[in-house]
C-alpha atoms as a PDB file:
ATOM      1  CA  MET A   1     -24.967 -16.799  -5.804  1.00  0.00           C
ATOM      2  CA  ASN A   2     -24.124 -17.753  -2.153  1.00  0.00           C
ATOM      3  CA  PRO A   3     -20.327 -17.990  -0.843  1.00  0.00           C
ATOM      4  CA  LEU A   4     -20.551 -21.928  -1.008  1.00  0.00           C
ATOM      5  CA  ASP A   5     -21.555 -21.841  -4.603  1.00  0.00           C
ATOM      6  CA  GLN A   6     -18.796 -19.363  -5.468  1.00  0.00           C
ATOM      7  CA  ILE A   7     -16.268 -21.625  -3.890  1.00  0.00           C
ATOM      8  CA  ARG A   8     -17.488 -24.751  -5.742  1.00  0.00           C
ATOM      9  CA  GLN A   9     -17.445 -22.844  -8.884  1.00  0.00           C
ATOM     10  CA  ILE A  10     -13.676 -21.640  -8.285  1.00  0.00           C
ATOM     11  CA  LEU A  11     -12.769 -25.358  -7.468  1.00  0.00           C
ATOM     12  CA  GLU A  12     -14.184 -26.638 -10.609  1.00  0.00           C
ATOM     13  CA  THR A  13     -11.736 -24.325 -12.765  1.00  0.00           C
ATOM     14  CA  PRO A  14      -8.417 -25.769 -13.773  1.00  0.00           C
ATOM     15  CA  LEU A  15      -6.503 -23.816 -10.967  1.00  0.00           C
ATOM     16  CA  GLY A  16      -9.330 -24.024  -8.591  1.00  0.00           C
ATOM     17  CA  THR A  17      -7.413 -24.947  -5.432  1.00  0.00           C
ATOM     18  CA  PHE A  18      -4.554 -22.731  -6.347  1.00  0.00           C
ATOM     19  CA  ASN A  19      -6.982 -19.739  -7.056  1.00  0.00           C
ATOM     20  CA  LEU A  20      -8.965 -20.319  -3.692  1.00  0.00           C
ATOM     21  CA  ALA A  21      -5.508 -20.264  -1.887  1.00  0.00           C
ATOM     22  CA  ALA A  22      -4.532 -17.090  -3.665  1.00  0.00           C
ATOM     23  CA  THR A  23      -7.640 -15.297  -2.469  1.00  0.00           C
ATOM     24  CA  ALA A  24      -7.456 -16.595   0.945  1.00  0.00           C
ATOM     25  CA  ILE A  25      -3.868 -15.168   1.065  1.00  0.00           C
ATOM     26  CA  VAL A  26      -4.979 -11.838  -0.324  1.00  0.00           C
ATOM     27  CA  ALA A  27      -7.826 -11.593   2.065  1.00  0.00           C
ATOM     28  CA  LEU A  28      -5.407 -12.280   5.011  1.00  0.00           C
ATOM     29  CA  CYS A  29      -3.140  -9.591   3.812  1.00  0.00           C
ATOM     30  CA  VAL A  30      -6.013  -7.102   3.557  1.00  0.00           C
ATOM     31  CA  PHE A  31      -7.227  -8.055   6.996  1.00  0.00           C
ATOM     32  CA  ALA A  32      -3.879  -7.538   8.527  1.00  0.00           C
ATOM     33  CA  ILE A  33      -3.735  -3.957   6.876  1.00  0.00           C
ATOM     34  CA  ILE A  34      -7.138  -2.998   8.114  1.00  0.00           C
ATOM     35  CA  LEU A  35      -6.362  -4.162  11.657  1.00  0.00           C
ATOM     36  CA  ALA A  36      -3.026  -2.165  11.465  1.00  0.00           C
ATOM     37  CA  VAL A  37      -4.952   0.867  10.490  1.00  0.00           C
ATOM     38  CA  ILE A  38      -7.557   0.348  13.432  1.00  0.00           C
ATOM     39  CA  ILE A  39      -4.632   0.158  15.700  1.00  0.00           C
ATOM     40  CA  ASN A  40      -3.201   3.477  14.391  1.00  0.00           C
ATOM     41  CA  PHE A  41      -6.546   5.113  14.910  1.00  0.00           C
ATOM     42  CA  ALA A  42      -7.014   3.452  18.522  1.00  0.00           C
ATOM     43  CA  GLU A  43      -3.656   4.720  19.576  1.00  0.00           C
ATOM     44  CA  GLY A  44      -4.628   8.250  18.668  1.00  0.00           C
ATOM     45  CA  ALA A  45      -2.384  11.260  19.104  1.00  0.00           C
ATOM     46  CA  SER A  46       0.147   9.431  21.298  1.00  0.00           C
ATOM     47  CA  GLY A  47       2.869  11.899  19.999  1.00  0.00           C
ATOM     48  CA  GLY A  48       1.440  14.547  22.229  1.00  0.00           C
ATOM     49  CA  GLU A  49       0.020  17.931  21.342  1.00  0.00           C
ATOM     50  CA  VAL A  50      -0.223  18.896  17.695  1.00  0.00           C
ATOM     51  CA  GLN A  51       2.042  21.624  16.666  1.00  0.00           C
ATOM     52  CA  LYS A  52       1.337  21.852  13.002  1.00  0.00           C
ATOM     53  CA  GLU A  53      -1.475  20.397  10.897  1.00  0.00           C
ATOM     54  CA  LYS A  54      -2.472  20.574   7.110  1.00  0.00           C
ATOM     55  CA  ARG A  55      -5.751  19.048   6.103  1.00  0.00           C
ATOM     56  CA  ASN A  56      -5.356  16.877   3.089  1.00  0.00           C
ATOM     57  CA  ILE A  57      -8.029  15.305   0.666  1.00  0.00           C
ATOM     58  CA  VAL A  58      -5.861  12.259   0.566  1.00  0.00           C
ATOM     59  CA  GLU A  59      -6.504  10.263   3.867  1.00  0.00           C
ATOM     60  CA  THR A  60      -7.795   7.127   5.190  1.00  0.00           C
ATOM     61  CA  GLY A  61     -11.315   7.610   3.890  1.00  0.00           C
ATOM     62  CA  SER A  62     -10.482   8.637   0.301  1.00  0.00           C
ATOM     63  CA  MET A  63      -7.949   5.811   0.049  1.00  0.00           C
ATOM     64  CA  ALA A  64     -10.494   3.324   1.339  1.00  0.00           C
ATOM     65  CA  ALA A  65     -12.929   4.603  -1.293  1.00  0.00           C
ATOM     66  CA  PHE A  66     -10.521   3.859  -3.989  1.00  0.00           C
ATOM     67  CA  PHE A  67      -9.650   0.466  -2.681  1.00  0.00           C
ATOM     68  CA  PHE A  68     -13.480  -0.213  -2.672  1.00  0.00           C
ATOM     69  CA  VAL A  69     -13.638   0.673  -6.415  1.00  0.00           C
ATOM     70  CA  LEU A  70     -10.745  -1.663  -7.202  1.00  0.00           C
ATOM     71  CA  TYR A  71     -12.609  -4.392  -5.257  1.00  0.00           C
ATOM     72  CA  LEU A  72     -15.736  -3.737  -7.426  1.00  0.00           C
ATOM     73  CA  MET A  73     -13.654  -4.017 -10.689  1.00  0.00           C
ATOM     74  CA  ILE A  74     -12.319  -7.403  -9.444  1.00  0.00           C
ATOM     75  CA  LYS A  75     -15.422  -8.733  -8.175  1.00  0.00           C
ATOM     76  CA  LEU A  76     -17.566  -7.848 -11.171  1.00  0.00           C
ATOM     77  CA  HIS A  77     -14.653  -8.932 -13.500  1.00  0.00           C
ATOM     78  CA  ILE A  78     -14.644  -5.486 -15.138  1.00  0.00           C
ATOM     79  CA  GLY A  79     -11.292  -5.166 -16.960  1.00  0.00           C
ATOM     80  CA  GLU A  80     -10.249  -8.850 -16.558  1.00  0.00           C
ATOM     81  CA  LEU A  81      -8.101 -10.457 -19.103  1.00  0.00           C
ATOM     82  CA  ALA A  82      -8.935 -13.987 -20.019  1.00  0.00           C
ATOM     83  CA  SER A  83      -6.115 -16.529 -20.473  1.00  0.00           C
ATOM     84  CA  SER A  84      -6.343 -20.177 -21.114  1.00  0.00           C
ATOM     85  CA  ASP A  85      -2.632 -20.753 -20.524  1.00  0.00           C
ATOM     86  CA  VAL A  86      -2.417 -22.466 -17.057  1.00  0.00           C
ATOM     87  CA  SER A  87       1.366 -22.126 -16.732  1.00  0.00           C
ATOM     88  CA  LEU A  88       1.284 -18.458 -17.467  1.00  0.00           C
ATOM     89  CA  GLN A  89      -1.483 -18.024 -14.987  1.00  0.00           C
ATOM     90  CA  VAL A  90       0.372 -19.787 -12.200  1.00  0.00           C
ATOM     91  CA  VAL A  91       3.587 -17.603 -12.973  1.00  0.00           C
ATOM     92  CA  ARG A  92       1.501 -14.379 -13.057  1.00  0.00           C
ATOM     93  CA  ILE A  93      -0.474 -15.189  -9.740  1.00  0.00           C
ATOM     94  CA  SER A  94       2.640 -16.415  -7.917  1.00  0.00           C
ATOM     95  CA  ILE A  95       4.492 -13.130  -8.820  1.00  0.00           C
ATOM     96  CA  GLY A  96       1.420 -11.109  -7.696  1.00  0.00           C
ATOM     97  CA  LEU A  97       1.154 -12.978  -4.510  1.00  0.00           C
ATOM     98  CA  ILE A  98       4.845 -12.519  -3.520  1.00  0.00           C
ATOM     99  CA  VAL A  99       4.686  -8.781  -4.334  1.00  0.00           C
ATOM    100  CA  PHE A 100       1.278  -8.488  -2.361  1.00  0.00           C
ATOM    101  CA  VAL A 101       2.620 -10.371   0.851  1.00  0.00           C
ATOM    102  CA  LEU A 102       5.906  -8.357   0.792  1.00  0.00           C
ATOM    103  CA  GLY A 103       3.883  -5.198   0.428  1.00  0.00           C
ATOM    104  CA  THR A 104       1.805  -6.123   3.395  1.00  0.00           C
ATOM    105  CA  ILE A 105       4.886  -6.938   5.443  1.00  0.00           C
ATOM    106  CA  PHE A 106       6.584  -3.632   4.388  1.00  0.00           C
ATOM    107  CA  ASN A 107       3.378  -1.784   5.165  1.00  0.00           C
ATOM    108  CA  ILE A 108       3.131  -3.251   8.790  1.00  0.00           C
ATOM    109  CA  TRP A 109       6.799  -2.868   9.372  1.00  0.00           C
ATOM    110  CA  GLY A 110       6.585   0.813   8.374  1.00  0.00           C
ATOM    111  CA  ARG A 111       3.735   1.385  10.719  1.00  0.00           C
ATOM    112  CA  LEU A 112       5.787  -0.096  13.511  1.00  0.00           C
ATOM    113  CA  HIS A 113       8.601   2.299  13.057  1.00  0.00           C
ATOM    114  CA  LEU A 114       6.433   5.234  12.557  1.00  0.00           C
ATOM    115  CA  GLY A 115       4.611   4.756  15.880  1.00  0.00           C
ATOM    116  CA  HIS A 116       3.488   7.929  17.534  1.00  0.00           C
ATOM    117  CA  ASN A 117       4.165   9.836  14.321  1.00  0.00           C
ATOM    118  CA  TRP A 118       1.334   8.483  12.342  1.00  0.00           C
ATOM    119  CA  ALA A 119      -1.685  10.511  11.671  1.00  0.00           C
ATOM    120  CA  ASN A 120      -4.665  10.378   9.395  1.00  0.00           C
ATOM    121  CA  GLN A 121      -4.252  14.053   8.444  1.00  0.00           C
ATOM    122  CA  ILE A 122      -0.754  15.464   7.922  1.00  0.00           C
ATOM    123  CA  LYS A 123       0.453  16.530  11.477  1.00  0.00           C
ATOM    124  CA  ILE A 124       3.548  17.367  13.284  1.00  0.00           C
ATOM    125  CA  TYR A 125       3.356  16.537  17.116  1.00  0.00           C
ATOM    126  CA  GLN A 126       5.235  17.811  19.902  1.00  0.00           C
ATOM    127  CA  LYS A 127       7.117  14.534  20.299  1.00  0.00           C
ATOM    128  CA  HIS A 128       7.368  14.082  16.642  1.00  0.00           C
ATOM    129  CA  THR A 129      10.645  12.347  15.467  1.00  0.00           C
ATOM    130  CA  LEU A 130      12.342  11.720  12.152  1.00  0.00           C
ATOM    131  CA  ILE A 131      12.255   7.971  11.333  1.00  0.00           C
ATOM    132  CA  THR A 132      15.282   6.950   8.938  1.00  0.00           C
ATOM    133  CA  ASN A 133      15.747   3.485  10.017  1.00  0.00           C
ATOM    134  CA  GLY A 134      13.726   0.260   9.279  1.00  0.00           C
ATOM    135  CA  PRO A 135      11.954   0.445   5.932  1.00  0.00           C
ATOM    136  CA  TYR A 136      12.591   4.169   6.012  1.00  0.00           C
ATOM    137  CA  ARG A 137      16.241   3.476   5.073  1.00  0.00           C
ATOM    138  CA  PHE A 138      14.848   2.339   1.601  1.00  0.00           C
ATOM    139  CA  VAL A 139      12.138   4.570   0.909  1.00  0.00           C
ATOM    140  CA  ARG A 140      10.696   7.852   2.535  1.00  0.00           C
ATOM    141  CA  HIS A 141       7.155   6.637   2.455  1.00  0.00           C
ATOM    142  CA  PRO A 142       6.834   2.986   3.048  1.00  0.00           C
ATOM    143  CA  LEU A 143       3.144   3.016   3.802  1.00  0.00           C
ATOM    144  CA  TYR A 144       2.257   4.633   0.507  1.00  0.00           C
ATOM    145  CA  ALA A 145       4.908   2.711  -1.320  1.00  0.00           C
ATOM    146  CA  SER A 146       3.679  -0.649  -0.187  1.00  0.00           C
ATOM    147  CA  LEU A 147       0.043   0.079  -0.929  1.00  0.00           C
ATOM    148  CA  ILE A 148       0.969   1.162  -4.546  1.00  0.00           C
ATOM    149  CA  TRP A 149       2.996  -2.231  -4.906  1.00  0.00           C
ATOM    150  CA  MET A 150      -0.017  -4.032  -3.582  1.00  0.00           C
ATOM    151  CA  CYS A 151      -2.350  -2.474  -5.910  1.00  0.00           C
ATOM    152  CA  ILE A 152      -0.203  -3.476  -8.969  1.00  0.00           C
ATOM    153  CA  ALA A 153       0.240  -6.843  -7.473  1.00  0.00           C
ATOM    154  CA  GLY A 154      -3.581  -7.300  -7.142  1.00  0.00           C
ATOM    155  CA  ALA A 155      -3.951  -6.554 -10.867  1.00  0.00           C
ATOM    156  CA  LEU A 156      -1.307  -9.310 -11.565  1.00  0.00           C
ATOM    157  CA  ILE A 157      -3.207 -11.774  -9.516  1.00  0.00           C
ATOM    158  CA  TYR A 158      -6.570 -11.128 -10.915  1.00  0.00           C
ATOM    159  CA  SER A 159      -5.332 -10.320 -14.579  1.00  0.00           C
ATOM    160  CA  ASN A 160      -7.040  -7.159 -14.591  1.00  0.00           C
ATOM    161  CA  TRP A 161      -5.787  -4.186 -16.740  1.00  0.00           C
ATOM    162  CA  LEU A 162      -8.284  -1.688 -15.301  1.00  0.00           C
ATOM    163  CA  VAL A 163      -7.014  -2.127 -11.838  1.00  0.00           C
ATOM    164  CA  ALA A 164      -3.403  -1.587 -13.035  1.00  0.00           C
ATOM    165  CA  LEU A 165      -4.510   1.536 -15.035  1.00  0.00           C
ATOM    166  CA  LEU A 166      -6.637   3.019 -12.228  1.00  0.00           C
ATOM    167  CA  SER A 167      -3.607   2.437  -9.813  1.00  0.00           C
ATOM    168  CA  LEU A 168      -1.203   4.267 -12.080  1.00  0.00           C
ATOM    169  CA  ILE A 169      -3.157   7.168 -13.213  1.00  0.00           C
ATOM    170  CA  ILE A 170      -5.051   7.788  -9.842  1.00  0.00           C
ATOM    171  CA  PHE A 171      -3.531   6.120  -6.783  1.00  0.00           C
ATOM    172  CA  VAL A 172      -0.055   6.795  -7.480  1.00  0.00           C
ATOM    173  CA  PRO A 173      -0.660  10.663  -8.023  1.00  0.00           C
ATOM    174  CA  MET A 174      -2.692  10.576  -4.866  1.00  0.00           C
ATOM    175  CA  MET A 175       0.091   9.014  -2.746  1.00  0.00           C
ATOM    176  CA  SER A 176       2.661  11.437  -4.494  1.00  0.00           C
ATOM    177  CA  TYR A 177       0.273  14.440  -3.643  1.00  0.00           C
ATOM    178  CA  ARG A 178       0.079  13.316  -0.011  1.00  0.00           C
ATOM    179  CA  ALA A 179       3.682  12.760   0.412  1.00  0.00           C
ATOM    180  CA  LYS A 180       4.756  15.882  -1.176  1.00  0.00           C
ATOM    181  CA  HIS A 181       2.558  17.826   1.327  1.00  0.00           C
ATOM    182  CA  GLU A 182       4.011  15.786   4.037  1.00  0.00           C
ATOM    183  CA  GLU A 183       7.538  16.583   3.170  1.00  0.00           C
ATOM    184  CA  ILE A 184       6.944  20.381   3.086  1.00  0.00           C
ATOM    185  CA  ILE A 185       6.119  20.203   6.694  1.00  0.00           C
ATOM    186  CA  LEU A 186       8.782  17.762   7.687  1.00  0.00           C
ATOM    187  CA  GLU A 187      11.351  19.973   5.830  1.00  0.00           C
ATOM    188  CA  THR A 188      10.314  22.955   8.367  1.00  0.00           C
ATOM    189  CA  ARG A 189      10.658  20.774  11.486  1.00  0.00           C
ATOM    190  CA  PHE A 190      13.688  18.739  10.829  1.00  0.00           C
ATOM    191  CA  ASP A 191      16.955  20.333   9.517  1.00  0.00           C
ATOM    192  CA  ASN A 192      18.181  17.164   8.233  1.00  0.00           C
ATOM    193  CA  TYR A 193      15.393  16.035   6.192  1.00  0.00           C
ATOM    194  CA  LYS A 194      16.504  17.560   2.936  1.00  0.00           C
ATOM    195  CA  GLU A 195      19.684  15.517   3.284  1.00  0.00           C
ATOM    196  CA  TYR A 196      17.606  12.324   4.042  1.00  0.00           C
ATOM    197  CA  LYS A 197      15.302  13.252   1.126  1.00  0.00           C
ATOM    198  CA  SER A 198      18.194  13.542  -1.336  1.00  0.00           C
ATOM    199  CA  LYS A 199      19.495  10.017  -0.366  1.00  0.00           C
ATOM    200  CA  THR A 200      16.352   8.153  -0.208  1.00  0.00           C
ATOM    201  CA  GLY A 201      13.590   7.579  -2.737  1.00  0.00           C
ATOM    202  CA  MET A 202      10.056   8.491  -2.407  1.00  0.00           C
ATOM    203  CA  PHE A 203       8.423   5.076  -3.285  1.00  0.00           C
ATOM    204  CA  PHE A 204      11.296   3.123  -4.582  1.00  0.00           C
ATOM    205  CA  PRO A 205      14.864   2.620  -3.380  1.00  0.00           C
ATOM    206  CA  ARG A 206      17.355   5.065  -4.898  1.00  0.00           C
ATOM    207  CA  THR A 207      20.720   3.919  -6.076  1.00  0.00           C
ATOM    208  CA  ILE A 208      23.422   6.202  -4.798  1.00  0.00           C
ATOM    209  CA  LYS A 209      26.360   6.311  -6.954  1.00  0.00           C
ATOM    210  CA  SER A 210      29.778   6.746  -5.177  1.00  0.00           C
ATOM    211  CA  GLU A 211      31.947   9.685  -6.208  1.00  0.00           C
ATOM    212  CA  ALA A 212      35.211   8.763  -7.913  1.00  0.00           C
END
């Protein structure tokens, strides 16, 4: 089926225009993330000489492979849950879109603040700085956190239980594995990282209870 026939098929459904608009928004968000990653690679090691590096299986390539699998699940309707309730579909897709767009904004916001500290592999640069402002005020790993949120949001938008399951049992552990290895190196470089870590959640904001 060619793209025009696919669009016609979507438009013939009860929520045709709404679903088409939702797909367009998702596509724009994905494009924005891909463009941001390309810019990260293009900037290269602008943080100067690498002082410490740790190879990690979780990097752009392995993450892209996982996202491609999710794309196939959605494209082939594997794991999709059918629903005839139009109102419920509108609510579900709307919530998913809001989270997906916010995740995209949060991801790009995090990349802007991370700046020259970004690296595909885990690295500490000569000019490496500890970022605790912007989105890093809320979570220690906004790039990974936002991608997790977007995966779950995608499962909501396309009503796909398999996408949600794979995100929870594979992608979340992947991000946690990568984040923990990053933090081991960061703790050796920055004396105040442990304090920052104790006050800030890894992927979700942490509520700090004030002492009586």
